[in-house]
């Protein structure tokens, strides 16, 4: 008898995927694009600035073409998830955490929109920081909802 698991038995069948699993995958994909992209842009900012004064703005515009669809995917699948979960059967703690998460998601999107449209360097910096930190907070709140 072999002590090795075959690859075919170790990998779940795609036929076994549920609609809930697909929704969760899409939600996490959107969140990963939104937050991961912000982490990447933050890491590249110094290099982009060294390449020229307009380079960070050009990169940010290009980033927005990926980030905003990711945000929309996360919000859409989040609303879908709320409809599936049924809030009337949830505990007060779950509802409070969900309310905080929704507030943080909305604040993250609003701050990112301000960051993208303002000409003020101070407001751009503040709104970028607020948008990023609230996105991380929303991710943490979401993790708290599934544990």
Protein backbone atom coordinates (compact mmCIF):
# COMPACT_ATOMS: atom_id res chain seq x y z
CA UNK A 1 0.00 0.00 0.00
CA UNK A 2 1.35 3.41 -0.97
CA UNK A 3 1.87 6.01 1.75
CA UNK A 4 1.56 8.81 -0.80
CA UNK A 5 -1.71 10.50 -1.51
CA UNK A 6 -2.32 10.78 -5.17
CA UNK A 7 -2.78 14.26 -6.56
CA UNK A 8 -6.25 13.33 -7.77
CA UNK A 9 -7.45 12.43 -4.26
CA UNK A 10 -5.75 15.39 -2.58
CA UNK A 11 -7.27 18.05 -4.83
CA UNK A 12 -10.99 18.60 -4.38
CA UNK A 13 -13.14 18.11 -7.43
CA UNK A 14 -14.28 21.24 -9.18
CA UNK A 15 -17.64 19.52 -9.55
CA UNK A 16 -17.95 19.74 -5.76
CA UNK A 17 -17.69 23.55 -5.75
CA UNK A 18 -20.80 25.22 -4.43
CA UNK A 19 -22.18 28.59 -5.40
CA UNK A 20 -21.25 29.75 -1.90
CA UNK A 21 -17.62 28.74 -2.53
CA UNK A 22 -17.59 30.62 -5.85
CA UNK A 23 -19.07 33.73 -4.19
CA UNK A 24 -16.50 33.57 -1.39
CA UNK A 25 -13.67 33.11 -3.92
CA UNK A 26 -14.84 36.12 -5.92
CA UNK A 27 -15.19 38.20 -2.76
CA UNK A 28 -11.66 37.33 -1.63
CA UNK A 29 -10.33 38.01 -5.14
CA UNK A 30 -11.85 41.50 -5.06
CA UNK A 31 -10.50 42.18 -1.57
CA UNK A 32 -7.05 40.90 -2.54
CA UNK A 33 -6.96 43.19 -5.58
CA UNK A 34 -8.15 46.22 -3.61
CA UNK A 35 -5.90 45.86 -0.56
CA UNK A 36 -2.99 44.04 -2.20
CA UNK A 37 -2.84 46.66 -4.91
CA UNK A 38 -2.65 49.42 -2.33
CA UNK A 39 0.19 47.61 -0.56
CA UNK A 40 2.01 47.25 -3.88
CA UNK A 41 1.53 50.93 -4.79
CA UNK A 42 2.76 51.96 -1.34
CA UNK A 43 5.85 49.83 -1.82
CA UNK A 44 6.55 51.26 -5.28
CA UNK A 45 5.86 54.91 -4.45
CA UNK A 46 9.49 55.85 -3.73
CA UNK A 47 10.74 54.23 -6.93
CA UNK A 48 7.97 55.85 -8.97
CA UNK A 49 8.81 59.28 -7.56
CA UNK A 50 12.46 58.80 -8.53
CA UNK A 51 11.44 58.06 -12.13
CA UNK A 52 9.79 61.44 -12.58
CA UNK A 53 7.24 63.82 -11.08
CA UNK A 54 4.34 62.53 -13.22
CA UNK A 55 5.12 58.82 -12.90
CA UNK A 56 3.25 58.24 -9.59
CA UNK A 57 0.12 59.89 -11.03
CA UNK A 58 0.33 57.84 -14.24
CA UNK A 59 0.80 54.63 -12.22
CA UNK A 60 -2.11 55.58 -9.94
CA UNK A 61 -4.43 56.09 -12.91
CA UNK A 62 -3.44 52.70 -14.28
CA UNK A 63 -3.83 51.13 -10.83
CA UNK A 64 -7.34 52.57 -10.58
CA UNK A 65 -8.36 50.65 -13.70
CA UNK A 66 -7.70 47.44 -11.78
CA UNK A 67 -8.46 48.53 -8.22
CA UNK A 68 -11.95 49.98 -8.73
CA UNK A 69 -13.30 46.86 -10.47
CA UNK A 70 -11.83 44.83 -7.59
CA UNK A 71 -13.60 47.12 -5.10
CA UNK A 72 -16.86 46.75 -7.03
CA UNK A 73 -16.44 42.96 -7.07
CA UNK A 74 -15.83 42.90 -3.31
CA UNK A 75 -18.86 45.11 -2.61
CA UNK A 76 -21.14 43.20 -4.99
CA UNK A 77 -20.20 39.80 -3.61
CA UNK A 78 -20.39 41.24 -0.09
CA UNK A 79 -24.00 42.31 -0.66
CA UNK A 80 -24.69 38.90 -2.19
CA UNK A 81 -23.17 37.30 0.91
CA UNK A 82 -25.36 39.42 3.19
CA UNK A 83 -28.43 38.23 1.31
CA UNK A 84 -27.29 34.61 1.71
CA UNK A 85 -26.41 34.84 5.41
CA UNK A 86 -29.70 36.33 6.54
CA UNK A 87 -29.01 38.97 9.16
CA UNK A 88 -32.16 38.30 11.20
CA UNK A 89 -30.68 35.05 12.54
CA UNK A 90 -27.32 36.52 13.58
CA UNK A 91 -26.05 37.38 17.05
CA UNK A 92 -25.67 40.95 18.28
CA UNK A 93 -21.88 40.57 18.12
CA UNK A 94 -22.05 39.46 14.49
CA UNK A 95 -24.32 42.37 13.61
CA UNK A 96 -22.08 44.89 15.38
CA UNK A 97 -19.01 43.54 13.58
CA UNK A 98 -20.85 43.63 10.26
CA UNK A 99 -21.88 47.23 10.86
CA UNK A 100 -18.27 48.19 11.60
CA UNK A 101 -17.11 46.33 8.48
CA UNK A 102 -19.66 48.11 6.28
CA UNK A 103 -18.64 51.49 7.72
CA UNK A 104 -14.96 50.72 7.08
CA UNK A 105 -15.62 49.53 3.50
CA UNK A 106 -17.59 52.68 2.74
CA UNK A 107 -14.94 54.90 4.30
CA UNK A 108 -12.19 53.10 2.37
CA UNK A 109 -13.97 53.66 -0.94
CA UNK A 110 -14.80 57.29 -0.15
CA UNK A 111 -11.25 58.05 0.98
CA UNK A 112 -9.83 56.40 -2.15
CA UNK A 113 -12.14 58.51 -4.31
CA UNK A 114 -10.95 61.69 -2.56
CA UNK A 115 -7.33 60.51 -2.89
CA UNK A 116 -7.82 60.00 -6.61
CA UNK A 117 -9.47 63.35 -7.31
CA UNK A 118 -7.83 65.91 -5.03
CA UNK A 119 -5.06 68.25 -6.12
CA UNK A 120 -3.96 68.92 -2.53
CA UNK A 121 -0.86 66.90 -1.59
CA UNK A 122 -1.81 67.02 2.10
CA UNK A 123 -5.34 65.78 1.43
CA UNK A 124 -4.00 63.16 -0.98
CA UNK A 125 -1.69 61.82 1.72
CA UNK A 126 -4.32 61.85 4.44
CA UNK A 127 -7.03 60.27 2.29
CA UNK A 128 -4.60 57.63 1.03
CA UNK A 129 -3.68 56.69 4.58
CA UNK A 130 -7.29 56.66 5.74
CA UNK A 131 -8.39 54.60 2.75
CA UNK A 132 -5.65 52.03 3.28
CA UNK A 133 -6.11 51.70 7.05
CA UNK A 134 -9.89 51.41 6.79
CA UNK A 135 -9.50 48.76 4.08
CA UNK A 136 -7.26 46.77 6.43
CA UNK A 137 -9.80 47.27 9.23
CA UNK A 138 -12.59 45.98 7.00
CA UNK A 139 -10.48 42.92 6.18
CA UNK A 140 -9.90 42.28 9.88
CA UNK A 141 -13.61 42.68 10.63
CA UNK A 142 -14.42 40.25 7.83
CA UNK A 143 -12.00 37.72 9.31
CA UNK A 144 -13.81 38.13 12.62
CA UNK A 145 -17.12 37.32 10.97
CA UNK A 146 -15.98 33.88 9.78
CA UNK A 147 -14.20 32.73 12.96
